[in-house]
Amino acid sequence: MQDKMKIIEEVAAIYKVLSNERRILIITSLMDADKSLSVNQICEETKLDQPVVSKQLGILYKYQIVCKEKVGTSVLYGVDDPHVVETISDMIQHVKHEIVGKPHPRNLF
């Protein structure tokens, strides 16, 4: 039971990280890109200021939601975990269903 609680606590912590609109914007921008992006490229894509992007990327990296790679003098960020991509994509689809009033699939199990 303790192992299960540790997992649940970590899941809750990750959902808390994902509850920030700026972080979701950064993640979806990285998902939409066909390559890893630098902080400046993320700033251009999201229209967020550089200090904001850097801070949010630090949090996302800490929780292994984004990855980073140093290339020359640049640090490039990306999303390479299929679990993250699937979770965010599924939530986007859920919200799209809500917006247009379509029923959600039933009997998933």
PDB file of N, CA and C in Angstrom:
ATOM      1  N   MET A   1       0.825  -1.198   0.000  1.00  0.00           N
ATOM      2  CA  MET A   1       0.000   0.000   0.000  1.00  0.00           C
ATOM      3  C   MET A   1       0.865   1.257   0.000  1.00  0.00           C
ATOM      4  N   GLN A   2       2.030   1.213   0.689  1.00  0.00           N
ATOM      5  CA  GLN A   2       2.912   2.380   0.708  1.00  0.00           C
ATOM      6  C   GLN A   2       3.434   2.695  -0.680  1.00  0.00           C
ATOM      7  N   ASP A   3       3.772   1.657  -1.452  1.00  0.00           N
ATOM      8  CA  ASP A   3       4.247   1.874  -2.816  1.00  0.00           C
ATOM      9  C   ASP A   3       3.173   2.549  -3.659  1.00  0.00           C
ATOM     10  N   LYS A   4       1.934   2.094  -3.489  1.00  0.00           N
ATOM     11  CA  LYS A   4       0.830   2.686  -4.236  1.00  0.00           C
ATOM     12  C   LYS A   4       0.664   4.155  -3.856  1.00  0.00           C
ATOM     13  N   MET A   5       0.776   4.470  -2.582  1.00  0.00           N
ATOM     14  CA  MET A   5       0.634   5.858  -2.136  1.00  0.00           C
ATOM     15  C   MET A   5       1.766   6.728  -2.671  1.00  0.00           C
ATOM     16  N   LYS A   6       2.974   6.188  -2.742  1.00  0.00           N
ATOM     17  CA  LYS A   6       4.093   6.954  -3.307  1.00  0.00           C
ATOM     18  C   LYS A   6       3.828   7.283  -4.768  1.00  0.00           C
ATOM     19  N   ILE A   7       3.300   6.318  -5.492  1.00  0.00           N
ATOM     20  CA  ILE A   7       2.979   6.541  -6.899  1.00  0.00           C
ATOM     21  C   ILE A   7       1.876   7.583  -7.027  1.00  0.00           C
ATOM     22  N   ILE A   8       0.843   7.469  -6.208  1.00  0.00           N
ATOM     23  CA  ILE A   8      -0.268   8.422  -6.251  1.00  0.00           C
ATOM     24  C   ILE A   8       0.217   9.829  -5.924  1.00  0.00           C
ATOM     25  N   GLU A   9       1.092   9.954  -4.946  1.00  0.00           N
ATOM     26  CA  GLU A   9       1.645  11.267  -4.599  1.00  0.00           C
ATOM     27  C   GLU A   9       2.428  11.859  -5.767  1.00  0.00           C
ATOM     28  N   GLU A  10       3.191  11.032  -6.447  1.00  0.00           N
ATOM     29  CA  GLU A  10       3.964  11.514  -7.602  1.00  0.00           C
ATOM     30  C   GLU A  10       3.039  11.895  -8.757  1.00  0.00           C
ATOM     31  N   VAL A  11       1.998  11.098  -8.984  1.00  0.00           N
ATOM     32  CA  VAL A  11       1.014  11.426 -10.019  1.00  0.00           C
ATOM     33  C   VAL A  11       0.365  12.772  -9.710  1.00  0.00           C
ATOM     34  N   ALA A  12      -0.015  12.986  -8.460  1.00  0.00           N
ATOM     35  CA  ALA A  12      -0.625  14.257  -8.064  1.00  0.00           C
ATOM     36  C   ALA A  12       0.337  15.420  -8.276  1.00  0.00           C
ATOM     37  N   ALA A  13       1.606  15.209  -7.970  1.00  0.00           N
ATOM     38  CA  ALA A  13       2.608  16.265  -8.168  1.00  0.00           C
ATOM     39  C   ALA A  13       2.743  16.604  -9.651  1.00  0.00           C
ATOM     40  N   ILE A  14       2.732  15.600 -10.501  1.00  0.00           N
ATOM     41  CA  ILE A  14       2.843  15.849 -11.944  1.00  0.00           C
ATOM     42  C   ILE A  14       1.598  16.555 -12.465  1.00  0.00           C
ATOM     43  N   TYR A  15       0.418  16.146 -12.008  1.00  0.00           N
ATOM     44  CA  TYR A  15      -0.800  16.848 -12.427  1.00  0.00           C
ATOM     45  C   TYR A  15      -0.778  18.302 -11.962  1.00  0.00           C
ATOM     46  N   LYS A  16      -0.215  18.548 -10.806  1.00  0.00           N
ATOM     47  CA  LYS A  16      -0.084  19.929 -10.335  1.00  0.00           C
ATOM     48  C   LYS A  16       0.820  20.719 -11.280  1.00  0.00           C
ATOM     49  N   VAL A  17       1.914  20.112 -11.707  1.00  0.00           N
ATOM     50  CA  VAL A  17       2.811  20.762 -12.670  1.00  0.00           C
ATOM     51  C   VAL A  17       2.058  21.035 -13.973  1.00  0.00           C
ATOM     52  N   LEU A  18       1.246  20.095 -14.408  1.00  0.00           N
ATOM     53  CA  LEU A  18       0.510  20.236 -15.660  1.00  0.00           C
ATOM     54  C   LEU A  18      -0.705  21.153 -15.545  1.00  0.00           C
ATOM     55  N   SER A  19      -1.004  21.647 -14.359  1.00  0.00           N
ATOM     56  CA  SER A  19      -2.175  22.509 -14.181  1.00  0.00           C
ATOM     57  C   SER A  19      -1.894  23.970 -14.526  1.00  0.00           C
ATOM     58  N   ASN A  20      -0.692  24.283 -14.955  1.00  0.00           N
ATOM     59  CA  ASN A  20      -0.304  25.651 -15.272  1.00  0.00           C
ATOM     60  C   ASN A  20      -0.469  25.901 -16.778  1.00  0.00           C
ATOM     61  N   GLU A  21      -1.237  26.933 -17.142  1.00  0.00           N
ATOM     62  CA  GLU A  21      -1.513  27.222 -18.550  1.00  0.00           C
ATOM     63  C   GLU A  21      -0.239  27.491 -19.349  1.00  0.00           C
ATOM     64  N   ARG A  22       0.700  28.195 -18.758  1.00  0.00           N
ATOM     65  CA  ARG A  22       1.941  28.496 -19.474  1.00  0.00           C
ATOM     66  C   ARG A  22       2.724  27.222 -19.771  1.00  0.00           C
ATOM     67  N   ARG A  23       2.737  26.312 -18.828  1.00  0.00           N
ATOM     68  CA  ARG A  23       3.451  25.049 -19.046  1.00  0.00           C
ATOM     69  C   ARG A  23       2.784  24.230 -20.143  1.00  0.00           C
ATOM     70  N   ILE A  24       1.458  24.211 -20.138  1.00  0.00           N
ATOM     71  CA  ILE A  24       0.741  23.486 -21.189  1.00  0.00           C
ATOM     72  C   ILE A  24       1.018  24.123 -22.546  1.00  0.00           C
ATOM     73  N   LEU A  25       1.050  25.445 -22.597  1.00  0.00           N
ATOM     74  CA  LEU A  25       1.365  26.142 -23.842  1.00  0.00           C
ATOM     75  C   LEU A  25       2.757  25.761 -24.342  1.00  0.00           C
ATOM     76  N   ILE A  26       3.712  25.728 -23.443  1.00  0.00           N
ATOM     77  CA  ILE A  26       5.082  25.342 -23.816  1.00  0.00           C
ATOM     78  C   ILE A  26       5.116  23.893 -24.302  1.00  0.00           C
ATOM     79  N   ILE A  27       4.473  23.000 -23.577  1.00  0.00           N
ATOM     80  CA  ILE A  27       4.463  21.583 -23.963  1.00  0.00           C
ATOM     81  C   ILE A  27       3.823  21.405 -25.335  1.00  0.00           C
ATOM     82  N   THR A  28       2.670  22.037 -25.557  1.00  0.00           N
ATOM     83  CA  THR A  28       2.000  21.863 -26.848  1.00  0.00           C
ATOM     84  C   THR A  28       2.812  22.488 -27.979  1.00  0.00           C
ATOM     85  N   SER A  29       3.510  23.562 -27.705  1.00  0.00           N
ATOM     86  CA  SER A  29       4.390  24.152 -28.725  1.00  0.00           C
ATOM     87  C   SER A  29       5.513  23.188 -29.084  1.00  0.00           C
ATOM     88  N   LEU A  30       6.071  22.542 -28.080  1.00  0.00           N
ATOM     89  CA  LEU A  30       7.115  21.549 -28.339  1.00  0.00           C
ATOM     90  C   LEU A  30       6.555  20.336 -29.077  1.00  0.00           C
ATOM     91  N   MET A  31       5.339  19.933 -28.727  1.00  0.00           N
ATOM     92  CA  MET A  31       4.716  18.798 -29.406  1.00  0.00           C
ATOM     93  C   MET A  31       4.442  19.120 -30.871  1.00  0.00           C
ATOM     94  N   ASP A  32       4.044  20.360 -31.150  1.00  0.00           N
ATOM     95  CA  ASP A  32       3.714  20.761 -32.519  1.00  0.00           C
ATOM     96  C   ASP A  32       4.948  20.964 -33.391  1.00  0.00           C
ATOM     97  N   ALA A  33       6.079  21.227 -32.759  1.00  0.00           N
ATOM     98  CA  ALA A  33       7.310  21.458 -33.519  1.00  0.00           C
ATOM     99  C   ALA A  33       7.819  20.140 -34.100  1.00  0.00           C
ATOM    100  N   ASP A  34       8.458  20.231 -35.230  1.00  0.00           N
ATOM    101  CA  ASP A  34       9.013  19.016 -35.832  1.00  0.00           C
ATOM    102  C   ASP A  34      10.448  18.778 -35.397  1.00  0.00           C
ATOM    103  N   LYS A  35      10.894  19.553 -34.412  1.00  0.00           N
ATOM    104  CA  LYS A  35      12.261  19.434 -33.906  1.00  0.00           C
ATOM    105  C   LYS A  35      12.309  20.008 -32.497  1.00  0.00           C
ATOM    106  N   SER A  36      13.413  19.813 -31.825  1.00  0.00           N
ATOM    107  CA  SER A  36      13.612  20.438 -30.520  1.00  0.00           C
ATOM    108  C   SER A  36      13.788  21.938 -30.719  1.00  0.00           C
ATOM    109  N   LEU A  37      13.422  22.713 -29.699  1.00  0.00           N
ATOM    110  CA  LEU A  37      13.458  24.172 -29.803  1.00  0.00           C
ATOM    111  C   LEU A  37      14.331  24.784 -28.722  1.00  0.00           C
ATOM    112  N   SER A  38      14.941  25.905 -29.051  1.00  0.00           N
ATOM    113  CA  SER A  38      15.694  26.679 -28.063  1.00  0.00           C
ATOM    114  C   SER A  38      14.714  27.522 -27.250  1.00  0.00           C
ATOM    115  N   VAL A  39      15.198  28.081 -26.167  1.00  0.00           N
ATOM    116  CA  VAL A  39      14.360  28.956 -25.343  1.00  0.00           C
ATOM    117  C   VAL A  39      13.836  30.113 -26.189  1.00  0.00           C
ATOM    118  N   ASN A  40      14.704  30.719 -26.997  1.00  0.00           N
ATOM    119  CA  ASN A  40      14.272  31.839 -27.838  1.00  0.00           C
ATOM    120  C   ASN A  40      13.189  31.423 -28.825  1.00  0.00           C
ATOM    121  N   GLN A  41      13.320  30.242 -29.406  1.00  0.00           N
ATOM    122  CA  GLN A  41      12.293  29.753 -30.327  1.00  0.00           C
ATOM    123  C   GLN A  41      10.975  29.504 -29.598  1.00  0.00           C
ATOM    124  N   ILE A  42      11.058  28.984 -28.387  1.00  0.00           N
ATOM    125  CA  ILE A  42       9.843  28.763 -27.592  1.00  0.00           C
ATOM    126  C   ILE A  42       9.200  30.104 -27.256  1.00  0.00           C
ATOM    127  N   CYS A  43      10.013  31.096 -26.927  1.00  0.00           N
ATOM    128  CA  CYS A  43       9.494  32.441 -26.648  1.00  0.00           C
ATOM    129  C   CYS A  43       8.756  32.995 -27.864  1.00  0.00           C
ATOM    130  N   GLU A  44       9.350  32.853 -29.041  1.00  0.00           N
ATOM    131  CA  GLU A  44       8.709  33.329 -30.270  1.00  0.00           C
ATOM    132  C   GLU A  44       7.392  32.607 -30.511  1.00  0.00           C
ATOM    133  N   GLU A  45       7.392  31.308 -30.311  1.00  0.00           N
ATOM    134  CA  GLU A  45       6.206  30.496 -30.568  1.00  0.00           C
ATOM    135  C   GLU A  45       5.078  30.797 -29.580  1.00  0.00           C
ATOM    136  N   THR A  46       5.425  30.977 -28.321  1.00  0.00           N
ATOM    137  CA  THR A  46       4.412  31.133 -27.271  1.00  0.00           C
ATOM    138  C   THR A  46       4.083  32.581 -26.944  1.00  0.00           C
ATOM    139  N   LYS A  47       4.931  33.510 -27.377  1.00  0.00           N
ATOM    140  CA  LYS A  47       4.795  34.939 -27.045  1.00  0.00           C
ATOM    141  C   LYS A  47       4.985  35.200 -25.547  1.00  0.00           C
ATOM    142  N   LEU A  48       5.690  34.303 -24.879  1.00  0.00           N
ATOM    143  CA  LEU A  48       6.017  34.480 -23.463  1.00  0.00           C
ATOM    144  C   LEU A  48       7.417  35.063 -23.348  1.00  0.00           C
ATOM    145  N   ASP A  49       7.658  35.813 -22.277  1.00  0.00           N
ATOM    146  CA  ASP A  49       8.977  36.389 -22.042  1.00  0.00           C
ATOM    147  C   ASP A  49       9.984  35.303 -21.685  1.00  0.00           C
ATOM    148  N   GLN A  50      11.246  35.566 -21.996  1.00  0.00           N
ATOM    149  CA  GLN A  50      12.315  34.590 -21.784  1.00  0.00           C
ATOM    150  C   GLN A  50      12.431  34.123 -20.338  1.00  0.00           C
ATOM    151  N   PRO A  51      12.376  35.027 -19.334  1.00  0.00           N
ATOM    152  CA  PRO A  51      12.473  34.528 -17.952  1.00  0.00           C
ATOM    153  C   PRO A  51      11.327  33.576 -17.585  1.00  0.00           C
ATOM    154  N   VAL A  52      10.142  33.853 -18.112  1.00  0.00           N
ATOM    155  CA  VAL A  52       8.983  32.994 -17.838  1.00  0.00           C
ATOM    156  C   VAL A  52       9.204  31.614 -18.450  1.00  0.00           C
ATOM    157  N   VAL A  53       9.630  31.594 -19.705  1.00  0.00           N
ATOM    158  CA  VAL A  53       9.859  30.323 -20.396  1.00  0.00           C
ATOM    159  C   VAL A  53      10.951  29.525 -19.690  1.00  0.00           C
ATOM    160  N   SER A  54      12.040  30.192 -19.345  1.00  0.00           N
ATOM    161  CA  SER A  54      13.145  29.496 -18.672  1.00  0.00           C
ATOM    162  C   SER A  54      12.701  28.889 -17.348  1.00  0.00           C
ATOM    163  N   LYS A  55      11.935  29.637 -16.580  1.00  0.00           N
ATOM    164  CA  LYS A  55      11.464  29.132 -15.286  1.00  0.00           C
ATOM    165  C   LYS A  55      10.549  27.919 -15.479  1.00  0.00           C
ATOM    166  N   GLN A  56       9.618  28.024 -16.418  1.00  0.00           N
ATOM    167  CA  GLN A  56       8.673  26.929 -16.639  1.00  0.00           C
ATOM    168  C   GLN A  56       9.377  25.691 -17.200  1.00  0.00           C
ATOM    169  N   LEU A  57      10.359  25.897 -18.078  1.00  0.00           N
ATOM    170  CA  LEU A  57      11.122  24.760 -18.597  1.00  0.00           C
ATOM    171  C   LEU A  57      11.893  24.060 -17.483  1.00  0.00           C
ATOM    172  N   GLY A  58      12.407  24.829 -16.540  1.00  0.00           N
ATOM    173  CA  GLY A  58      13.109  24.234 -15.404  1.00  0.00           C
ATOM    174  C   GLY A  58      12.206  23.315 -14.601  1.00  0.00           C
ATOM    175  N   ILE A  59      10.983  23.755 -14.392  1.00  0.00           N
ATOM    176  CA  ILE A  59      10.015  22.937 -13.651  1.00  0.00           C
ATOM    177  C   ILE A  59       9.648  21.695 -14.458  1.00  0.00           C
ATOM    178  N   LEU A  60       9.379  21.880 -15.739  1.00  0.00           N
ATOM    179  CA  LEU A  60       9.021  20.745 -16.596  1.00  0.00           C
ATOM    180  C   LEU A  60      10.157  19.734 -16.700  1.00  0.00           C
ATOM    181  N   TYR A  61      11.384  20.219 -16.741  1.00  0.00           N
ATOM    182  CA  TYR A  61      12.547  19.327 -16.808  1.00  0.00           C
ATOM    183  C   TYR A  61      12.712  18.555 -15.496  1.00  0.00           C
ATOM    184  N   LYS A  62      12.503  19.232 -14.394  1.00  0.00           N
ATOM    185  CA  LYS A  62      12.630  18.592 -13.077  1.00  0.00           C
ATOM    186  C   LYS A  62      11.705  17.380 -12.967  1.00  0.00           C
ATOM    187  N   TYR A  63      10.520  17.495 -13.549  1.00  0.00           N
ATOM    188  CA  TYR A  63       9.547  16.406 -13.484  1.00  0.00           C
ATOM    189  C   TYR A  63       9.608  15.491 -14.714  1.00  0.00           C
ATOM    190  N   GLN A  64      10.663  15.628 -15.507  1.00  0.00           N
ATOM    191  CA  GLN A  64      10.910  14.775 -16.675  1.00  0.00           C
ATOM    192  C   GLN A  64       9.783  14.843 -17.700  1.00  0.00           C
ATOM    193  N   ILE A  65       9.170  16.005 -17.802  1.00  0.00           N
ATOM    194  CA  ILE A  65       8.114  16.211 -18.786  1.00  0.00           C
ATOM    195  C   ILE A  65       8.721  16.691 -20.100  1.00  0.00           C
ATOM    196  N   VAL A  66       9.814  17.437 -20.013  1.00  0.00           N
ATOM    197  CA  VAL A  66      10.574  17.811 -21.207  1.00  0.00           C
ATOM    198  C   VAL A  66      11.998  17.293 -21.053  1.00  0.00           C
ATOM    199  N   CYS A  67      12.658  17.155 -22.180  1.00  0.00           N
ATOM    200  CA  CYS A  67      14.068  16.771 -22.176  1.00  0.00           C
ATOM    201  C   CYS A  67      14.867  17.931 -22.752  1.00  0.00           C
ATOM    202  N   LYS A  68      16.156  17.931 -22.491  1.00  0.00           N
ATOM    203  CA  LYS A  68      16.992  18.983 -23.062  1.00  0.00           C
ATOM    204  C   LYS A  68      18.299  18.384 -23.540  1.00  0.00           C
ATOM    205  N   GLU A  69      18.867  19.080 -24.528  1.00  0.00           N
ATOM    206  CA  GLU A  69      20.117  18.627 -25.122  1.00  0.00           C
ATOM    207  C   GLU A  69      20.940  19.857 -25.474  1.00  0.00           C
ATOM    208  N   LYS A  70      22.186  19.847 -25.051  1.00  0.00           N
ATOM    209  CA  LYS A  70      23.080  20.961 -25.376  1.00  0.00           C
ATOM    210  C   LYS A  70      23.683  20.714 -26.751  1.00  0.00           C
ATOM    211  N   VAL A  71      23.500  21.688 -27.633  1.00  0.00           N
ATOM    212  CA  VAL A  71      24.037  21.621 -28.988  1.00  0.00           C
ATOM    213  C   VAL A  71      24.835  22.902 -29.217  1.00  0.00           C
ATOM    214  N   GLY A  72      26.142  22.774 -29.194  1.00  0.00           N
ATOM    215  CA  GLY A  72      26.989  23.963 -29.297  1.00  0.00           C
ATOM    216  C   GLY A  72      26.777  24.844 -28.082  1.00  0.00           C
ATOM    217  N   THR A  73      26.387  26.077 -28.328  1.00  0.00           N
ATOM    218  CA  THR A  73      26.127  27.001 -27.219  1.00  0.00           C
ATOM    219  C   THR A  73      24.651  27.061 -26.857  1.00  0.00           C
ATOM    220  N   SER A  74      23.820  26.318 -27.574  1.00  0.00           N
ATOM    221  CA  SER A  74      22.374  26.344 -27.336  1.00  0.00           C
ATOM    222  C   SER A  74      21.924  25.126 -26.542  1.00  0.00           C
ATOM    223  N   VAL A  75      20.837  25.303 -25.830  1.00  0.00           N
ATOM    224  CA  VAL A  75      20.153  24.188 -25.179  1.00  0.00           C
ATOM    225  C   VAL A  75      18.814  24.044 -25.883  1.00  0.00           C
ATOM    226  N   LEU A  76      18.564  22.859 -26.402  1.00  0.00           N
ATOM    227  CA  LEU A  76      17.324  22.586 -27.115  1.00  0.00           C
ATOM    228  C   LEU A  76      16.414  21.725 -26.247  1.00  0.00           C
ATOM    229  N   TYR A  77      15.133  22.048 -26.273  1.00  0.00           N
ATOM    230  CA  TYR A  77      14.141  21.345 -25.460  1.00  0.00           C
ATOM    231  C   TYR A  77      13.161  20.610 -26.363  1.00  0.00           C
ATOM    232  N   GLY A  78      12.685  19.484 -25.872  1.00  0.00           N
ATOM    233  CA  GLY A  78      11.705  18.711 -26.605  1.00  0.00           C
ATOM    234  C   GLY A  78      10.875  17.860 -25.667  1.00  0.00           C
ATOM    235  N   VAL A  79       9.886  17.209 -26.243  1.00  0.00           N
ATOM    236  CA  VAL A  79       9.055  16.255 -25.507  1.00  0.00           C
ATOM    237  C   VAL A  79       9.261  14.919 -26.201  1.00  0.00           C
ATOM    238  N   ASP A  80       9.951  14.004 -25.538  1.00  0.00           N
ATOM    239  CA  ASP A  80      10.205  12.713 -26.182  1.00  0.00           C
ATOM    240  C   ASP A  80       9.586  11.541 -25.433  1.00  0.00           C
ATOM    241  N   ASP A  81       8.781  11.834 -24.425  1.00  0.00           N
ATOM    242  CA  ASP A  81       8.124  10.777 -23.663  1.00  0.00           C
ATOM    243  C   ASP A  81       6.718  10.582 -24.221  1.00  0.00           C
ATOM    244  N   PRO A  82       6.430   9.429 -24.822  1.00  0.00           N
ATOM    245  CA  PRO A  82       5.109   9.217 -25.401  1.00  0.00           C
ATOM    246  C   PRO A  82       3.978   9.305 -24.375  1.00  0.00           C
ATOM    247  N   HIS A  83       4.265   9.034 -23.107  1.00  0.00           N
ATOM    248  CA  HIS A  83       3.227   9.156 -22.078  1.00  0.00           C
ATOM    249  C   HIS A  83       2.773  10.604 -21.937  1.00  0.00           C
ATOM    250  N   VAL A  84       3.716  11.524 -21.968  1.00  0.00           N
ATOM    251  CA  VAL A  84       3.390  12.951 -21.852  1.00  0.00           C
ATOM    252  C   VAL A  84       2.574  13.391 -23.062  1.00  0.00           C
ATOM    253  N   VAL A  85       3.039  13.024 -24.245  1.00  0.00           N
ATOM    254  CA  VAL A  85       2.343  13.403 -25.472  1.00  0.00           C
ATOM    255  C   VAL A  85       0.919  12.853 -25.458  1.00  0.00           C
ATOM    256  N   GLU A  86       0.769  11.603 -25.083  1.00  0.00           N
ATOM    257  CA  GLU A  86      -0.552  10.977 -25.058  1.00  0.00           C
ATOM    258  C   GLU A  86      -1.466  11.634 -24.027  1.00  0.00           C
ATOM    259  N   THR A  87      -0.947  11.916 -22.847  1.00  0.00           N
ATOM    260  CA  THR A  87      -1.754  12.538 -21.794  1.00  0.00           C
ATOM    261  C   THR A  87      -2.260  13.906 -22.229  1.00  0.00           C
ATOM    262  N   ILE A  88      -1.368  14.735 -22.749  1.00  0.00           N
ATOM    263  CA  ILE A  88      -1.758  16.079 -23.180  1.00  0.00           C
ATOM    264  C   ILE A  88      -2.706  15.995 -24.374  1.00  0.00           C
ATOM    265  N   SER A  89      -2.400  15.151 -25.336  1.00  0.00           N
ATOM    266  CA  SER A  89      -3.258  14.998 -26.517  1.00  0.00           C
ATOM    267  C   SER A  89      -4.654  14.522 -26.128  1.00  0.00           C
ATOM    268  N   ASP A  90      -4.729  13.565 -25.218  1.00  0.00           N
ATOM    269  CA  ASP A  90      -6.030  13.069 -24.761  1.00  0.00           C
ATOM    270  C   ASP A  90      -6.829  14.161 -24.067  1.00  0.00           C
ATOM    271  N   MET A  91      -6.179  14.977 -23.261  1.00  0.00           N
ATOM    272  CA  MET A  91      -6.895  16.046 -22.572  1.00  0.00           C
ATOM    273  C   MET A  91      -7.386  17.094 -23.568  1.00  0.00           C
ATOM    274  N   ILE A  92      -6.574  17.393 -24.575  1.00  0.00           N
ATOM    275  CA  ILE A  92      -7.004  18.337 -25.611  1.00  0.00           C
ATOM    276  C   ILE A  92      -8.246  17.797 -26.318  1.00  0.00           C
ATOM    277  N   GLN A  93      -8.250  16.517 -26.652  1.00  0.00           N
ATOM    278  CA  GLN A  93      -9.423  15.912 -27.290  1.00  0.00           C
ATOM    279  C   GLN A  93     -10.634  15.948 -26.363  1.00  0.00           C
ATOM    280  N   HIS A  94     -10.422  15.714 -25.088  1.00  0.00           N
ATOM    281  CA  HIS A  94     -11.505  15.783 -24.102  1.00  0.00           C
ATOM    282  C   HIS A  94     -12.126  17.177 -24.104  1.00  0.00           C
ATOM    283  N   VAL A  95     -11.287  18.198 -24.070  1.00  0.00           N
ATOM    284  CA  VAL A  95     -11.776  19.583 -24.044  1.00  0.00           C
ATOM    285  C   VAL A  95     -12.493  19.919 -25.347  1.00  0.00           C
ATOM    286  N   LYS A  96     -11.975  19.466 -26.472  1.00  0.00           N
ATOM    287  CA  LYS A  96     -12.642  19.716 -27.755  1.00  0.00           C
ATOM    288  C   LYS A  96     -14.039  19.105 -27.769  1.00  0.00           C
ATOM    289  N   HIS A  97     -14.191  17.914 -27.194  1.00  0.00           N
ATOM    290  CA  HIS A  97     -15.518  17.307 -27.084  1.00  0.00           C
ATOM    291  C   HIS A  97     -16.435  18.190 -26.245  1.00  0.00           C
ATOM    292  N   GLU A  98     -15.916  18.700 -25.143  1.00  0.00           N
ATOM    293  CA  GLU A  98     -16.701  19.558 -24.258  1.00  0.00           C
ATOM    294  C   GLU A  98     -17.147  20.827 -24.976  1.00  0.00           C
ATOM    295  N   ILE A  99     -16.248  21.432 -25.739  1.00  0.00           N
ATOM    296  CA  ILE A  99     -16.545  22.701 -26.409  1.00  0.00           C
ATOM    297  C   ILE A  99     -17.679  22.540 -27.413  1.00  0.00           C
ATOM    298  N   VAL A 100     -17.662  21.484 -28.189  1.00  0.00           N
ATOM    299  CA  VAL A 100     -18.696  21.295 -29.211  1.00  0.00           C
ATOM    300  C   VAL A 100     -19.899  20.511 -28.691  1.00  0.00           C
ATOM    301  N   GLY A 101     -19.845  20.080 -27.452  1.00  0.00           N
ATOM    302  CA  GLY A 101     -20.977  19.381 -26.855  1.00  0.00           C
ATOM    303  C   GLY A 101     -21.139  17.944 -27.319  1.00  0.00           C
ATOM    304  N   LYS A 102     -20.084  17.351 -27.853  1.00  0.00           N
ATOM    305  CA  LYS A 102     -20.158  15.955 -28.283  1.00  0.00           C
ATOM    306  C   LYS A 102     -20.046  15.040 -27.064  1.00  0.00           C
ATOM    307  N   PRO A 103     -20.777  13.951 -27.072  1.00  0.00           N
ATOM    308  CA  PRO A 103     -20.637  13.011 -25.954  1.00  0.00           C
ATOM    309  C   PRO A 103     -19.280  12.313 -26.002  1.00  0.00           C
ATOM    310  N   HIS A 104     -18.818  11.962 -24.853  1.00  0.00           N
ATOM    311  CA  HIS A 104     -17.556  11.232 -24.747  1.00  0.00           C
ATOM    312  C   HIS A 104     -17.816   9.744 -24.944  1.00  0.00           C
ATOM    313  N   PRO A 105     -16.816   9.024 -25.415  1.00  0.00           N
ATOM    314  CA  PRO A 105     -16.979   7.567 -25.555  1.00  0.00           C
ATOM    315  C   PRO A 105     -17.320   6.929 -24.205  1.00  0.00           C
ATOM    316  N   ARG A 106     -18.144   5.930 -24.236  1.00  0.00           N
ATOM    317  CA  ARG A 106     -18.539   5.219 -23.018  1.00  0.00           C
ATOM    318  C   ARG A 106     -18.009   3.796 -23.063  1.00  0.00           C
ATOM    319  N   ASN A 107     -18.169   3.103 -21.950  1.00  0.00           N
ATOM    320  CA  ASN A 107     -17.777   1.692 -21.853  1.00  0.00           C
ATOM    321  C   ASN A 107     -16.333   1.474 -22.285  1.00  0.00           C
ATOM    322  N   LEU A 108     -15.441   2.166 -21.623  1.00  0.00           N
ATOM    323  CA  LEU A 108     -14.031   2.057 -21.966  1.00  0.00           C
ATOM    324  C   LEU A 108     -13.418   0.747 -21.500  1.00  0.00           C
ATOM    325  N   PHE A 109     -14.051   0.092 -20.566  1.00  0.00           N
ATOM    326  CA  PHE A 109     -13.478  -1.142 -20.033  1.00  0.00           C
ATOM    327  C   PHE A 109     -14.342  -2.322 -20.367  1.00  0.00           C
TER     328      PHE A 109
END
